[in-house]
Amino acid sequence: DIKGDELSVNIISIEAKSFTREQQGMEVLVSMQVKSTGDWVYEKSTGMLKQTNVVAEAAGTAEVMGMSIPMTNKTTTAVTVKKM
């Protein structure tokens, strides 16, 4: 979206992750899906990032010693940049 000297870009990202890690001598298999949504606002004349708001939500499992442990996480990031 373009309004005056601002460019606004909406983002949607879906990412699937799976990895193994060792914790306290045990092997843990982590599988998760992360969905991020938000927007970035740029100053058209300079290309400078003025503002960003992103929400990332993750859901998945950690499997260890035959047990499956559900995991969820939500992160909100807001950044505002001002010229000095």
C-alpha atoms as a PDB file:
ATOM      1  CA  ASP A   1       0.000   0.000   0.000  1.00  0.00           C
ATOM      2  CA  ILE A   2       1.317   3.479  -0.852  1.00  0.00           C
ATOM      3  CA  LYS A   3       0.077   6.553   1.011  1.00  0.00           C
ATOM      4  CA  GLY A   4       1.955   9.803   0.507  1.00  0.00           C
ATOM      5  CA  ASP A   5       5.602   9.190   1.429  1.00  0.00           C
ATOM      6  CA  GLU A   6       4.898   5.807   3.104  1.00  0.00           C
ATOM      7  CA  LEU A   7       5.115   2.312   1.677  1.00  0.00           C
ATOM      8  CA  SER A   8       3.382  -0.387   3.706  1.00  0.00           C
ATOM      9  CA  VAL A   9       4.194  -4.063   3.160  1.00  0.00           C
ATOM     10  CA  ASN A  10       2.102  -6.823   4.749  1.00  0.00           C
ATOM     11  CA  ILE A  11       3.847 -10.114   5.479  1.00  0.00           C
ATOM     12  CA  ILE A  12       2.630 -13.645   6.057  1.00  0.00           C
ATOM     13  CA  SER A  13       5.200 -16.371   6.641  1.00  0.00           C
ATOM     14  CA  ILE A  14       4.714 -20.043   7.509  1.00  0.00           C
ATOM     15  CA  GLU A  15       7.765 -22.067   8.451  1.00  0.00           C
ATOM     16  CA  ALA A  16       8.083 -25.706   9.487  1.00  0.00           C
ATOM     17  CA  LYS A  17      11.088 -26.713  11.607  1.00  0.00           C
ATOM     18  CA  SER A  18      12.339 -30.048  12.833  1.00  0.00           C
ATOM     19  CA  PHE A  19      15.623 -30.578  14.658  1.00  0.00           C
ATOM     20  CA  THR A  20      17.298 -32.753  17.248  1.00  0.00           C
ATOM     21  CA  ARG A  21      19.161 -31.439  20.266  1.00  0.00           C
ATOM     22  CA  GLU A  22      20.801 -32.989  23.290  1.00  0.00           C
ATOM     23  CA  GLN A  23      19.645 -31.840  26.693  1.00  0.00           C
ATOM     24  CA  GLN A  24      20.928 -33.292  29.959  1.00  0.00           C
ATOM     25  CA  GLY A  25      22.314 -36.282  28.067  1.00  0.00           C
ATOM     26  CA  MET A  26      18.980 -37.086  26.348  1.00  0.00           C
ATOM     27  CA  GLU A  27      18.150 -36.679  22.677  1.00  0.00           C
ATOM     28  CA  VAL A  28      15.139 -34.408  22.102  1.00  0.00           C
ATOM     29  CA  LEU A  29      13.341 -34.247  18.733  1.00  0.00           C
ATOM     30  CA  VAL A  30      11.614 -30.877  18.288  1.00  0.00           C
ATOM     31  CA  SER A  31       9.030 -30.336  15.535  1.00  0.00           C
ATOM     32  CA  MET A  32       7.170 -27.058  15.161  1.00  0.00           C
ATOM     33  CA  GLN A  33       5.336 -24.763  12.796  1.00  0.00           C
ATOM     34  CA  VAL A  34       5.754 -20.985  13.034  1.00  0.00           C
ATOM     35  CA  LYS A  35       3.312 -18.513  11.464  1.00  0.00           C
ATOM     36  CA  SER A  36       4.328 -14.848  11.334  1.00  0.00           C
ATOM     37  CA  THR A  37       2.064 -11.973  10.299  1.00  0.00           C
ATOM     38  CA  GLY A  38       2.603  -8.257  10.359  1.00  0.00           C
ATOM     39  CA  ASP A  39       3.564  -5.179   8.428  1.00  0.00           C
ATOM     40  CA  TRP A  40       6.583  -3.052   7.627  1.00  0.00           C
ATOM     41  CA  VAL A  41       6.295   0.675   6.908  1.00  0.00           C
ATOM     42  CA  TYR A  42       9.028   2.410   4.895  1.00  0.00           C
ATOM     43  CA  GLU A  43       9.672   6.040   4.041  1.00  0.00           C
ATOM     44  CA  LYS A  44       9.297   6.151   0.266  1.00  0.00           C
ATOM     45  CA  SER A  45      11.811   8.947  -0.386  1.00  0.00           C
ATOM     46  CA  THR A  46      14.699   7.372   1.587  1.00  0.00           C
ATOM     47  CA  GLY A  47      13.789   3.679   1.799  1.00  0.00           C
ATOM     48  CA  MET A  48      14.268   3.880   5.578  1.00  0.00           C
ATOM     49  CA  LEU A  49      12.263   1.467   7.715  1.00  0.00           C
ATOM     50  CA  LYS A  50       9.948   3.577   9.901  1.00  0.00           C
ATOM     51  CA  GLN A  51       7.935   0.954  11.735  1.00  0.00           C
ATOM     52  CA  THR A  52       7.375  -2.766  11.972  1.00  0.00           C
ATOM     53  CA  ASN A  53       4.828  -4.860  13.858  1.00  0.00           C
ATOM     54  CA  VAL A  54       5.104  -8.638  13.667  1.00  0.00           C
ATOM     55  CA  VAL A  55       3.347 -11.414  15.596  1.00  0.00           C
ATOM     56  CA  ALA A  56       4.862 -14.912  15.452  1.00  0.00           C
ATOM     57  CA  GLU A  57       2.960 -17.919  16.808  1.00  0.00           C
ATOM     58  CA  ALA A  58       4.597 -21.324  17.133  1.00  0.00           C
ATOM     59  CA  ALA A  59       3.103 -24.703  17.961  1.00  0.00           C
ATOM     60  CA  GLY A  60       4.759 -28.087  18.050  1.00  0.00           C
ATOM     61  CA  THR A  61       6.076 -30.969  20.107  1.00  0.00           C
ATOM     62  CA  ALA A  62       9.249 -32.089  21.835  1.00  0.00           C
ATOM     63  CA  GLU A  63       9.686 -35.856  21.891  1.00  0.00           C
ATOM     64  CA  VAL A  64      11.962 -37.354  24.511  1.00  0.00           C
ATOM     65  CA  MET A  65      12.167 -40.855  26.015  1.00  0.00           C
ATOM     66  CA  GLY A  66       8.917 -41.939  24.323  1.00  0.00           C
ATOM     67  CA  MET A  67       6.931 -38.929  25.555  1.00  0.00           C
ATOM     68  CA  SER A  68       5.503 -36.163  23.397  1.00  0.00           C
ATOM     69  CA  ILE A  69       5.389 -32.756  25.089  1.00  0.00           C
ATOM     70  CA  PRO A  70       3.270 -30.033  23.430  1.00  0.00           C
ATOM     71  CA  MET A  71       4.784 -26.563  23.050  1.00  0.00           C
ATOM     72  CA  THR A  72       3.336 -23.183  22.130  1.00  0.00           C
ATOM     73  CA  ASN A  73       4.879 -19.749  21.895  1.00  0.00           C
ATOM     74  CA  LYS A  74       3.693 -16.282  20.862  1.00  0.00           C
ATOM     75  CA  THR A  75       6.063 -13.375  20.237  1.00  0.00           C
ATOM     76  CA  THR A  76       5.057  -9.803  19.411  1.00  0.00           C
ATOM     77  CA  THR A  77       7.674  -7.428  18.016  1.00  0.00           C
ATOM     78  CA  ALA A  78       7.072  -3.704  17.531  1.00  0.00           C
ATOM     79  CA  VAL A  79       9.764  -1.301  16.354  1.00  0.00           C
ATOM     80  CA  THR A  80       9.433   2.429  15.633  1.00  0.00           C
ATOM     81  CA  VAL A  81      12.298   4.395  14.098  1.00  0.00           C
ATOM     82  CA  LYS A  82      12.490   8.180  14.364  1.00  0.00           C
ATOM     83  CA  LYS A  83      14.887  10.520  12.577  1.00  0.00           C
ATOM     84  CA  MET A  84      17.191  12.518  14.847  1.00  0.00           C
END
